[in-house]
Amino acid sequence: MKKQNKYSGEFKEQALALMKKGDRTLKEISKTLGINYWTLREWKKEQLNPSSGEAKVKISEKEELRRLRSENQDLRMENAILKKYAAILSKDQQ
């Protein structure tokens, strides 16, 4: 199950901009913005190492692609079965 984002991208960017200034600590910024210290810390880590965040997205995209392909295959099979059944019914009615 995927976590929902509580904060908008704009809010996150503003928080990261406050951190870049360097005049306040992470704890002070988190209290001011009303967010968890650890959330702010994770955002900072993602900013410093963006490849780790992309890897998580790519993995979830691969999983979704695999799931969608499987679902597509199942639906094609069901569709073929229904077409055959419809052909049988139409022959019986003639």
PDB file of N, CA and C in Angstrom:
ATOM      1  N   MET A   1       0.842  -1.169   0.000  1.00  0.00           N
ATOM      2  CA  MET A   1       0.000   0.000   0.000  1.00  0.00           C
ATOM      3  C   MET A   1       0.891   1.238   0.000  1.00  0.00           C
ATOM      4  N   LYS A   2       0.594   2.143  -0.881  1.00  0.00           N
ATOM      5  CA  LYS A   2       1.411   3.333  -1.021  1.00  0.00           C
ATOM      6  C   LYS A   2       0.976   4.409  -0.024  1.00  0.00           C
ATOM      7  N   LYS A   3       1.975   5.087   0.580  1.00  0.00           N
ATOM      8  CA  LYS A   3       1.677   6.172   1.502  1.00  0.00           C
ATOM      9  C   LYS A   3       1.180   7.380   0.713  1.00  0.00           C
ATOM     10  N   GLN A   4       0.192   8.054   1.254  1.00  0.00           N
ATOM     11  CA  GLN A   4      -0.295   9.264   0.629  1.00  0.00           C
ATOM     12  C   GLN A   4       0.569  10.432   1.066  1.00  0.00           C
ATOM     13  N   ASN A   5       0.795  11.364   0.143  1.00  0.00           N
ATOM     14  CA  ASN A   5       1.543  12.559   0.467  1.00  0.00           C
ATOM     15  C   ASN A   5       0.633  13.535   1.193  1.00  0.00           C
ATOM     16  N   LYS A   6       1.032  13.910   2.416  1.00  0.00           N
ATOM     17  CA  LYS A   6       0.254  14.872   3.175  1.00  0.00           C
ATOM     18  C   LYS A   6       0.582  16.294   2.748  1.00  0.00           C
ATOM     19  N   TYR A   7       1.768  16.489   2.210  1.00  0.00           N
ATOM     20  CA  TYR A   7       2.246  17.827   1.908  1.00  0.00           C
ATOM     21  C   TYR A   7       2.412  18.004   0.404  1.00  0.00           C
ATOM     22  N   SER A   8       2.076  19.200  -0.068  1.00  0.00           N
ATOM     23  CA  SER A   8       2.208  19.482  -1.494  1.00  0.00           C
ATOM     24  C   SER A   8       3.688  19.645  -1.857  1.00  0.00           C
ATOM     25  N   GLY A   9       3.967  19.524  -3.118  1.00  0.00           N
ATOM     26  CA  GLY A   9       5.333  19.702  -3.595  1.00  0.00           C
ATOM     27  C   GLY A   9       5.849  21.105  -3.317  1.00  0.00           C
ATOM     28  N   GLU A  10       4.955  22.088  -3.427  1.00  0.00           N
ATOM     29  CA  GLU A  10       5.326  23.476  -3.164  1.00  0.00           C
ATOM     30  C   GLU A  10       5.727  23.666  -1.704  1.00  0.00           C
ATOM     31  N   PHE A  11       4.973  23.072  -0.793  1.00  0.00           N
ATOM     32  CA  PHE A  11       5.279  23.161   0.637  1.00  0.00           C
ATOM     33  C   PHE A  11       6.646  22.543   0.923  1.00  0.00           C
ATOM     34  N   LYS A  12       6.884  21.389   0.309  1.00  0.00           N
ATOM     35  CA  LYS A  12       8.155  20.688   0.499  1.00  0.00           C
ATOM     36  C   LYS A  12       9.322  21.542  -0.013  1.00  0.00           C
ATOM     37  N   GLU A  13       9.137  22.172  -1.171  1.00  0.00           N
ATOM     38  CA  GLU A  13      10.184  23.037  -1.729  1.00  0.00           C
ATOM     39  C   GLU A  13      10.470  24.226  -0.815  1.00  0.00           C
ATOM     40  N   GLN A  14       9.429  24.796  -0.240  1.00  0.00           N
ATOM     41  CA  GLN A  14       9.614  25.932   0.665  1.00  0.00           C
ATOM     42  C   GLN A  14      10.363  25.507   1.926  1.00  0.00           C
ATOM     43  N   ALA A  15      10.030  24.326   2.423  1.00  0.00           N
ATOM     44  CA  ALA A  15      10.726  23.819   3.610  1.00  0.00           C
ATOM     45  C   ALA A  15      12.204  23.582   3.292  1.00  0.00           C
ATOM     46  N   LEU A  16      12.483  23.017   2.125  1.00  0.00           N
ATOM     47  CA  LEU A  16      13.874  22.782   1.726  1.00  0.00           C
ATOM     48  C   LEU A  16      14.625  24.100   1.535  1.00  0.00           C
ATOM     49  N   ALA A  17      13.925  25.122   1.043  1.00  0.00           N
ATOM     50  CA  ALA A  17      14.557  26.437   0.881  1.00  0.00           C
ATOM     51  C   ALA A  17      14.931  27.023   2.244  1.00  0.00           C
ATOM     52  N   LEU A  18      14.077  26.825   3.247  1.00  0.00           N
ATOM     53  CA  LEU A  18      14.393  27.304   4.602  1.00  0.00           C
ATOM     54  C   LEU A  18      15.629  26.587   5.149  1.00  0.00           C
ATOM     55  N   MET A  19      15.745  25.312   4.850  1.00  0.00           N
ATOM     56  CA  MET A  19      16.905  24.548   5.325  1.00  0.00           C
ATOM     57  C   MET A  19      18.187  25.036   4.656  1.00  0.00           C
ATOM     58  N   LYS A  20      18.087  25.410   3.380  1.00  0.00           N
ATOM     59  CA  LYS A  20      19.277  25.858   2.636  1.00  0.00           C
ATOM     60  C   LYS A  20      19.843  27.156   3.215  1.00  0.00           C
ATOM     61  N   LYS A  21      18.957  28.002   3.737  1.00  0.00           N
ATOM     62  CA  LYS A  21      19.419  29.263   4.310  1.00  0.00           C
ATOM     63  C   LYS A  21      20.427  29.022   5.422  1.00  0.00           C
ATOM     64  N   GLY A  22      20.170  27.995   6.227  1.00  0.00           N
ATOM     65  CA  GLY A  22      21.116  27.611   7.271  1.00  0.00           C
ATOM     66  C   GLY A  22      21.107  28.461   8.513  1.00  0.00           C
ATOM     67  N   ASP A  23      20.161  29.383   8.639  1.00  0.00           N
ATOM     68  CA  ASP A  23      20.146  30.230   9.836  1.00  0.00           C
ATOM     69  C   ASP A  23      19.358  29.619  10.998  1.00  0.00           C
ATOM     70  N   ARG A  24      18.631  28.506  10.748  1.00  0.00           N
ATOM     71  CA  ARG A  24      17.878  27.837  11.812  1.00  0.00           C
ATOM     72  C   ARG A  24      18.124  26.332  11.740  1.00  0.00           C
ATOM     73  N   THR A  25      17.910  25.665  12.853  1.00  0.00           N
ATOM     74  CA  THR A  25      18.101  24.213  12.897  1.00  0.00           C
ATOM     75  C   THR A  25      16.874  23.513  12.303  1.00  0.00           C
ATOM     76  N   LEU A  26      17.041  22.241  12.012  1.00  0.00           N
ATOM     77  CA  LEU A  26      15.929  21.452  11.479  1.00  0.00           C
ATOM     78  C   LEU A  26      14.771  21.390  12.473  1.00  0.00           C
ATOM     79  N   LYS A  27      15.102  21.288  13.747  1.00  0.00           N
ATOM     80  CA  LYS A  27      14.051  21.225  14.773  1.00  0.00           C
ATOM     81  C   LYS A  27      13.251  22.519  14.813  1.00  0.00           C
ATOM     82  N   GLU A  28      13.936  23.643  14.705  1.00  0.00           N
ATOM     83  CA  GLU A  28      13.243  24.934  14.706  1.00  0.00           C
ATOM     84  C   GLU A  28      12.337  25.066  13.485  1.00  0.00           C
ATOM     85  N   ILE A  29      12.857  24.665  12.328  1.00  0.00           N
ATOM     86  CA  ILE A  29      12.068  24.746  11.097  1.00  0.00           C
ATOM     87  C   ILE A  29      10.854  23.822  11.182  1.00  0.00           C
ATOM     88  N   SER A  30      11.055  22.609  11.694  1.00  0.00           N
ATOM     89  CA  SER A  30       9.943  21.663  11.781  1.00  0.00           C
ATOM     90  C   SER A  30       8.852  22.169  12.721  1.00  0.00           C
ATOM     91  N   LYS A  31       9.257  22.790  13.840  1.00  0.00           N
ATOM     92  CA  LYS A  31       8.272  23.360  14.769  1.00  0.00           C
ATOM     93  C   LYS A  31       7.524  24.517  14.123  1.00  0.00           C
ATOM     94  N   THR A  32       8.246  25.367  13.402  1.00  0.00           N
ATOM     95  CA  THR A  32       7.636  26.516  12.749  1.00  0.00           C
ATOM     96  C   THR A  32       6.612  26.071  11.710  1.00  0.00           C
ATOM     97  N   LEU A  33       6.976  25.058  10.914  1.00  0.00           N
ATOM     98  CA  LEU A  33       6.094  24.595   9.845  1.00  0.00           C
ATOM     99  C   LEU A  33       5.026  23.620  10.327  1.00  0.00           C
ATOM    100  N   GLY A  34       5.203  23.098  11.541  1.00  0.00           N
ATOM    101  CA  GLY A  34       4.231  22.165  12.091  1.00  0.00           C
ATOM    102  C   GLY A  34       4.316  20.775  11.484  1.00  0.00           C
ATOM    103  N   ILE A  35       5.539  20.373  11.146  1.00  0.00           N
ATOM    104  CA  ILE A  35       5.732  19.026  10.601  1.00  0.00           C
ATOM    105  C   ILE A  35       6.721  18.264  11.475  1.00  0.00           C
ATOM    106  N   ASN A  36       6.729  16.976  11.310  1.00  0.00           N
ATOM    107  CA  ASN A  36       7.605  16.114  12.080  1.00  0.00           C
ATOM    108  C   ASN A  36       9.063  16.369  11.694  1.00  0.00           C
ATOM    109  N   TYR A  37       9.936  16.363  12.684  1.00  0.00           N
ATOM    110  CA  TYR A  37      11.373  16.552  12.455  1.00  0.00           C
ATOM    111  C   TYR A  37      11.912  15.493  11.494  1.00  0.00           C
ATOM    112  N   TRP A  38      11.475  14.252  11.689  1.00  0.00           N
ATOM    113  CA  TRP A  38      11.995  13.151  10.876  1.00  0.00           C
ATOM    114  C   TRP A  38      11.552  13.270   9.423  1.00  0.00           C
ATOM    115  N   THR A  39      10.369  13.804   9.192  1.00  0.00           N
ATOM    116  CA  THR A  39       9.896  14.025   7.826  1.00  0.00           C
ATOM    117  C   THR A  39      10.807  15.031   7.133  1.00  0.00           C
ATOM    118  N   LEU A  40      11.098  16.102   7.827  1.00  0.00           N
ATOM    119  CA  LEU A  40      11.976  17.139   7.278  1.00  0.00           C
ATOM    120  C   LEU A  40      13.371  16.584   7.016  1.00  0.00           C
ATOM    121  N   ARG A  41      13.820  15.750   7.909  1.00  0.00           N
ATOM    122  CA  ARG A  41      15.145  15.126   7.764  1.00  0.00           C
ATOM    123  C   ARG A  41      15.191  14.218   6.528  1.00  0.00           C
ATOM    124  N   GLU A  42      14.126  13.458   6.315  1.00  0.00           N
ATOM    125  CA  GLU A  42      14.045  12.587   5.133  1.00  0.00           C
ATOM    126  C   GLU A  42      14.033  13.408   3.846  1.00  0.00           C
ATOM    127  N   TRP A  43      13.318  14.534   3.848  1.00  0.00           N
ATOM    128  CA  TRP A  43      13.294  15.391   2.671  1.00  0.00           C
ATOM    129  C   TRP A  43      14.699  15.904   2.363  1.00  0.00           C
ATOM    130  N   LYS A  44      15.434  16.248   3.420  1.00  0.00           N
ATOM    131  CA  LYS A  44      16.794  16.732   3.229  1.00  0.00           C
ATOM    132  C   LYS A  44      17.665  15.622   2.653  1.00  0.00           C
ATOM    133  N   LYS A  45      17.509  14.406   3.177  1.00  0.00           N
ATOM    134  CA  LYS A  45      18.293  13.271   2.688  1.00  0.00           C
ATOM    135  C   LYS A  45      17.976  12.994   1.214  1.00  0.00           C
ATOM    136  N   GLU A  46      16.694  13.060   0.849  1.00  0.00           N
ATOM    137  CA  GLU A  46      16.290  12.853  -0.545  1.00  0.00           C
ATOM    138  C   GLU A  46      16.888  13.914  -1.452  1.00  0.00           C
ATOM    139  N   GLN A  47      16.950  15.135  -0.951  1.00  0.00           N
ATOM    140  CA  GLN A  47      17.507  16.227  -1.753  1.00  0.00           C
ATOM    141  C   GLN A  47      18.997  16.014  -1.990  1.00  0.00           C
ATOM    142  N   LEU A  48      19.711  15.528  -0.976  1.00  0.00           N
ATOM    143  CA  LEU A  48      21.141  15.302  -1.107  1.00  0.00           C
ATOM    144  C   LEU A  48      21.457  14.073  -1.943  1.00  0.00           C
ATOM    145  N   ASN A  49      20.576  13.068  -1.912  1.00  0.00           N
ATOM    146  CA  ASN A  49      20.795  11.830  -2.654  1.00  0.00           C
ATOM    147  C   ASN A  49      19.527  11.491  -3.438  1.00  0.00           C
ATOM    148  N   PRO A  50      19.267  12.204  -4.538  1.00  0.00           N
ATOM    149  CA  PRO A  50      18.012  12.004  -5.258  1.00  0.00           C
ATOM    150  C   PRO A  50      17.887  10.641  -5.924  1.00  0.00           C
ATOM    151  N   SER A  51      18.988   9.965  -6.186  1.00  0.00           N
ATOM    152  CA  SER A  51      18.906   8.676  -6.874  1.00  0.00           C
ATOM    153  C   SER A  51      18.191   7.625  -6.030  1.00  0.00           C
ATOM    154  N   SER A  52      18.300   7.692  -4.710  1.00  0.00           N
ATOM    155  CA  SER A  52      17.631   6.703  -3.867  1.00  0.00           C
ATOM    156  C   SER A  52      16.122   6.835  -3.961  1.00  0.00           C
ATOM    157  N   GLY A  53      15.609   8.050  -4.026  1.00  0.00           N
ATOM    158  CA  GLY A  53      14.174   8.265  -4.188  1.00  0.00           C
ATOM    159  C   GLY A  53      13.688   7.790  -5.536  1.00  0.00           C
ATOM    160  N   GLU A  54      14.489   8.008  -6.583  1.00  0.00           N
ATOM    161  CA  GLU A  54      14.123   7.566  -7.923  1.00  0.00           C
ATOM    162  C   GLU A  54      14.105   6.048  -7.990  1.00  0.00           C
ATOM    163  N   ALA A  55      15.013   5.400  -7.286  1.00  0.00           N
ATOM    164  CA  ALA A  55      15.056   3.938  -7.307  1.00  0.00           C
ATOM    165  C   ALA A  55      13.773   3.364  -6.710  1.00  0.00           C
ATOM    166  N   LYS A  56      13.277   3.979  -5.642  1.00  0.00           N
ATOM    167  CA  LYS A  56      12.038   3.520  -5.036  1.00  0.00           C
ATOM    168  C   LYS A  56      10.880   3.666  -6.018  1.00  0.00           C
ATOM    169  N   VAL A  57      10.853   4.793  -6.729  1.00  0.00           N
ATOM    170  CA  VAL A  57       9.789   5.023  -7.705  1.00  0.00           C
ATOM    171  C   VAL A  57       9.893   4.015  -8.841  1.00  0.00           C
ATOM    172  N   LYS A  58      11.094   3.768  -9.324  1.00  0.00           N
ATOM    173  CA  LYS A  58      11.263   2.843 -10.432  1.00  0.00           C
ATOM    174  C   LYS A  58      10.826   1.439 -10.042  1.00  0.00           C
ATOM    175  N   ILE A  59      11.118   1.040  -8.824  1.00  0.00           N
ATOM    176  CA  ILE A  59      10.703  -0.286  -8.371  1.00  0.00           C
ATOM    177  C   ILE A  59       9.187  -0.371  -8.339  1.00  0.00           C
ATOM    178  N   SER A  60       8.540   0.632  -7.794  1.00  0.00           N
ATOM    179  CA  SER A  60       7.085   0.595  -7.724  1.00  0.00           C
ATOM    180  C   SER A  60       6.480   0.675  -9.118  1.00  0.00           C
ATOM    181  N   GLU A  61       7.097   1.405 -10.029  1.00  0.00           N
ATOM    182  CA  GLU A  61       6.613   1.466 -11.405  1.00  0.00           C
ATOM    183  C   GLU A  61       6.758   0.108 -12.081  1.00  0.00           C
ATOM    184  N   LYS A  62       7.856  -0.594 -11.803  1.00  0.00           N
ATOM    185  CA  LYS A  62       8.043  -1.922 -12.381  1.00  0.00           C
ATOM    186  C   LYS A  62       6.988  -2.888 -11.850  1.00  0.00           C
ATOM    187  N   GLU A  63       6.713  -2.801 -10.548  1.00  0.00           N
ATOM    188  CA  GLU A  63       5.690  -3.658  -9.959  1.00  0.00           C
ATOM    189  C   GLU A  63       4.327  -3.371 -10.564  1.00  0.00           C
ATOM    190  N   GLU A  64       4.022  -2.093 -10.750  1.00  0.00           N
ATOM    191  CA  GLU A  64       2.732  -1.721 -11.343  1.00  0.00           C
ATOM    192  C   GLU A  64       2.654  -2.193 -12.790  1.00  0.00           C
ATOM    193  N   LEU A  65       3.738  -2.048 -13.535  1.00  0.00           N
ATOM    194  CA  LEU A  65       3.761  -2.503 -14.918  1.00  0.00           C
ATOM    195  C   LEU A  65       3.548  -4.011 -14.990  1.00  0.00           C
ATOM    196  N   ARG A  66       4.189  -4.755 -14.113  1.00  0.00           N
ATOM    197  CA  ARG A  66       4.029  -6.205 -14.064  1.00  0.00           C
ATOM    198  C   ARG A  66       2.571  -6.565 -13.754  1.00  0.00           C
ATOM    199  N   ARG A  67       1.984  -5.867 -12.803  1.00  0.00           N
ATOM    200  CA  ARG A  67       0.599  -6.113 -12.429  1.00  0.00           C
ATOM    201  C   ARG A  67      -0.349  -5.794 -13.587  1.00  0.00           C
ATOM    202  N   LEU A  68      -0.103  -4.680 -14.259  1.00  0.00           N
ATOM    203  CA  LEU A  68      -0.958  -4.284 -15.374  1.00  0.00           C
ATOM    204  C   LEU A  68      -0.852  -5.252 -16.545  1.00  0.00           C
ATOM    205  N   ARG A  69       0.345  -5.737 -16.812  1.00  0.00           N
ATOM    206  CA  ARG A  69       0.513  -6.719 -17.887  1.00  0.00           C
ATOM    207  C   ARG A  69      -0.233  -8.004 -17.567  1.00  0.00           C
ATOM    208  N   SER A  70      -0.154  -8.429 -16.327  1.00  0.00           N
ATOM    209  CA  SER A  70      -0.863  -9.639 -15.909  1.00  0.00           C
ATOM    210  C   SER A  70      -2.370  -9.440 -16.031  1.00  0.00           C
ATOM    211  N   GLU A  71      -2.844  -8.302 -15.588  1.00  0.00           N
ATOM    212  CA  GLU A  71      -4.270  -7.998 -15.678  1.00  0.00           C
ATOM    213  C   GLU A  71      -4.714  -7.935 -17.137  1.00  0.00           C
ATOM    214  N   ASN A  72      -3.881  -7.331 -17.989  1.00  0.00           N
ATOM    215  CA  ASN A  72      -4.185  -7.239 -19.414  1.00  0.00           C
ATOM    216  C   ASN A  72      -4.304  -8.634 -20.022  1.00  0.00           C
ATOM    217  N   GLN A  73      -3.396  -9.522 -19.683  1.00  0.00           N
ATOM    218  CA  GLN A  73      -3.418 -10.891 -20.190  1.00  0.00           C
ATOM    219  C   GLN A  73      -4.703 -11.602 -19.745  1.00  0.00           C
ATOM    220  N   ASP A  74      -5.069 -11.438 -18.470  1.00  0.00           N
ATOM    221  CA  ASP A  74      -6.297 -12.057 -17.968  1.00  0.00           C
ATOM    222  C   ASP A  74      -7.526 -11.532 -18.702  1.00  0.00           C
ATOM    223  N   LEU A  75      -7.569 -10.227 -18.924  1.00  0.00           N
ATOM    224  CA  LEU A  75      -8.717  -9.635 -19.603  1.00  0.00           C
ATOM    225  C   LEU A  75      -8.814 -10.089 -21.058  1.00  0.00           C
ATOM    226  N   ARG A  76      -7.661 -10.224 -21.726  1.00  0.00           N
ATOM    227  CA  ARG A  76      -7.672 -10.724 -23.107  1.00  0.00           C
ATOM    228  C   ARG A  76      -8.212 -12.159 -23.154  1.00  0.00           C
ATOM    229  N   MET A  77      -7.804 -12.971 -22.192  1.00  0.00           N
ATOM    230  CA  MET A  77      -8.266 -14.353 -22.143  1.00  0.00           C
ATOM    231  C   MET A  77      -9.774 -14.401 -21.891  1.00  0.00           C
ATOM    232  N   GLU A  78     -10.254 -13.596 -20.955  1.00  0.00           N
ATOM    233  CA  GLU A  78     -11.687 -13.547 -20.677  1.00  0.00           C
ATOM    234  C   GLU A  78     -12.460 -13.084 -21.898  1.00  0.00           C
ATOM    235  N   ASN A  79     -11.922 -12.096 -22.598  1.00  0.00           N
ATOM    236  CA  ASN A  79     -12.564 -11.576 -23.796  1.00  0.00           C
ATOM    237  C   ASN A  79     -12.654 -12.662 -24.875  1.00  0.00           C
ATOM    238  N   ALA A  80     -11.590 -13.429 -25.063  1.00  0.00           N
ATOM    239  CA  ALA A  80     -11.587 -14.507 -26.052  1.00  0.00           C
ATOM    240  C   ALA A  80     -12.621 -15.563 -25.688  1.00  0.00           C
ATOM    241  N   ILE A  81     -12.725 -15.902 -24.413  1.00  0.00           N
ATOM    242  CA  ILE A  81     -13.713 -16.887 -23.958  1.00  0.00           C
ATOM    243  C   ILE A  81     -15.127 -16.385 -24.238  1.00  0.00           C
ATOM    244  N   LEU A  82     -15.370 -15.119 -23.946  1.00  0.00           N
ATOM    245  CA  LEU A  82     -16.702 -14.556 -24.183  1.00  0.00           C
ATOM    246  C   LEU A  82     -17.049 -14.534 -25.666  1.00  0.00           C
ATOM    247  N   LYS A  83     -16.074 -14.242 -26.514  1.00  0.00           N
ATOM    248  CA  LYS A  83     -16.312 -14.253 -27.964  1.00  0.00           C
ATOM    249  C   LYS A  83     -16.679 -15.661 -28.430  1.00  0.00           C
ATOM    250  N   LYS A  84     -15.987 -16.661 -27.934  1.00  0.00           N
ATOM    251  CA  LYS A  84     -16.283 -18.049 -28.301  1.00  0.00           C
ATOM    252  C   LYS A  84     -17.672 -18.441 -27.809  1.00  0.00           C
ATOM    253  N   TYR A  85     -18.004 -18.044 -26.617  1.00  0.00           N
ATOM    254  CA  TYR A  85     -19.314 -18.352 -26.049  1.00  0.00           C
ATOM    255  C   TYR A  85     -20.416 -17.674 -26.861  1.00  0.00           C
ATOM    256  N   ALA A  86     -20.199 -16.429 -27.258  1.00  0.00           N
ATOM    257  CA  ALA A  86     -21.185 -15.700 -28.071  1.00  0.00           C
ATOM    258  C   ALA A  86     -21.359 -16.382 -29.415  1.00  0.00           C
ATOM    259  N   ALA A  87     -20.269 -16.881 -30.007  1.00  0.00           N
ATOM    260  CA  ALA A  87     -20.360 -17.581 -31.284  1.00  0.00           C
ATOM    261  C   ALA A  87     -21.170 -18.871 -31.132  1.00  0.00           C
ATOM    262  N   ILE A  88     -20.971 -19.579 -30.046  1.00  0.00           N
ATOM    263  CA  ILE A  88     -21.713 -20.816 -29.789  1.00  0.00           C
ATOM    264  C   ILE A  88     -23.196 -20.510 -29.622  1.00  0.00           C
ATOM    265  N   LEU A  89     -23.514 -19.457 -28.875  1.00  0.00           N
ATOM    266  CA  LEU A  89     -24.912 -19.075 -28.671  1.00  0.00           C
ATOM    267  C   LEU A  89     -25.584 -18.663 -29.973  1.00  0.00           C
ATOM    268  N   SER A  90     -24.869 -17.942 -30.810  1.00  0.00           N
ATOM    269  CA  SER A  90     -25.472 -17.503 -32.069  1.00  0.00           C
ATOM    270  C   SER A  90     -25.719 -18.691 -33.005  1.00  0.00           C
ATOM    271  N   LYS A  91     -24.866 -19.715 -32.973  1.00  0.00           N
ATOM    272  CA  LYS A  91     -25.083 -20.913 -33.772  1.00  0.00           C
ATOM    273  C   LYS A  91     -26.300 -21.688 -33.272  1.00  0.00           C
ATOM    274  N   ASP A  92     -26.486 -21.744 -31.959  1.00  0.00           N
ATOM    275  CA  ASP A  92     -27.609 -22.452 -31.368  1.00  0.00           C
ATOM    276  C   ASP A  92     -28.939 -21.787 -31.696  1.00  0.00           C
ATOM    277  N   GLN A  93     -28.937 -20.476 -31.837  1.00  0.00           N
ATOM    278  CA  GLN A  93     -30.182 -19.745 -32.096  1.00  0.00           C
ATOM    279  C   GLN A  93     -30.605 -19.849 -33.554  1.00  0.00           C
ATOM    280  N   GLN A  94     -29.711 -20.212 -34.446  1.00  0.00           N
ATOM    281  CA  GLN A  94     -30.054 -20.281 -35.879  1.00  0.00           C
ATOM    282  C   GLN A  94     -30.726 -21.523 -36.242  1.00  0.00           C
TER     283      GLN A  94
END
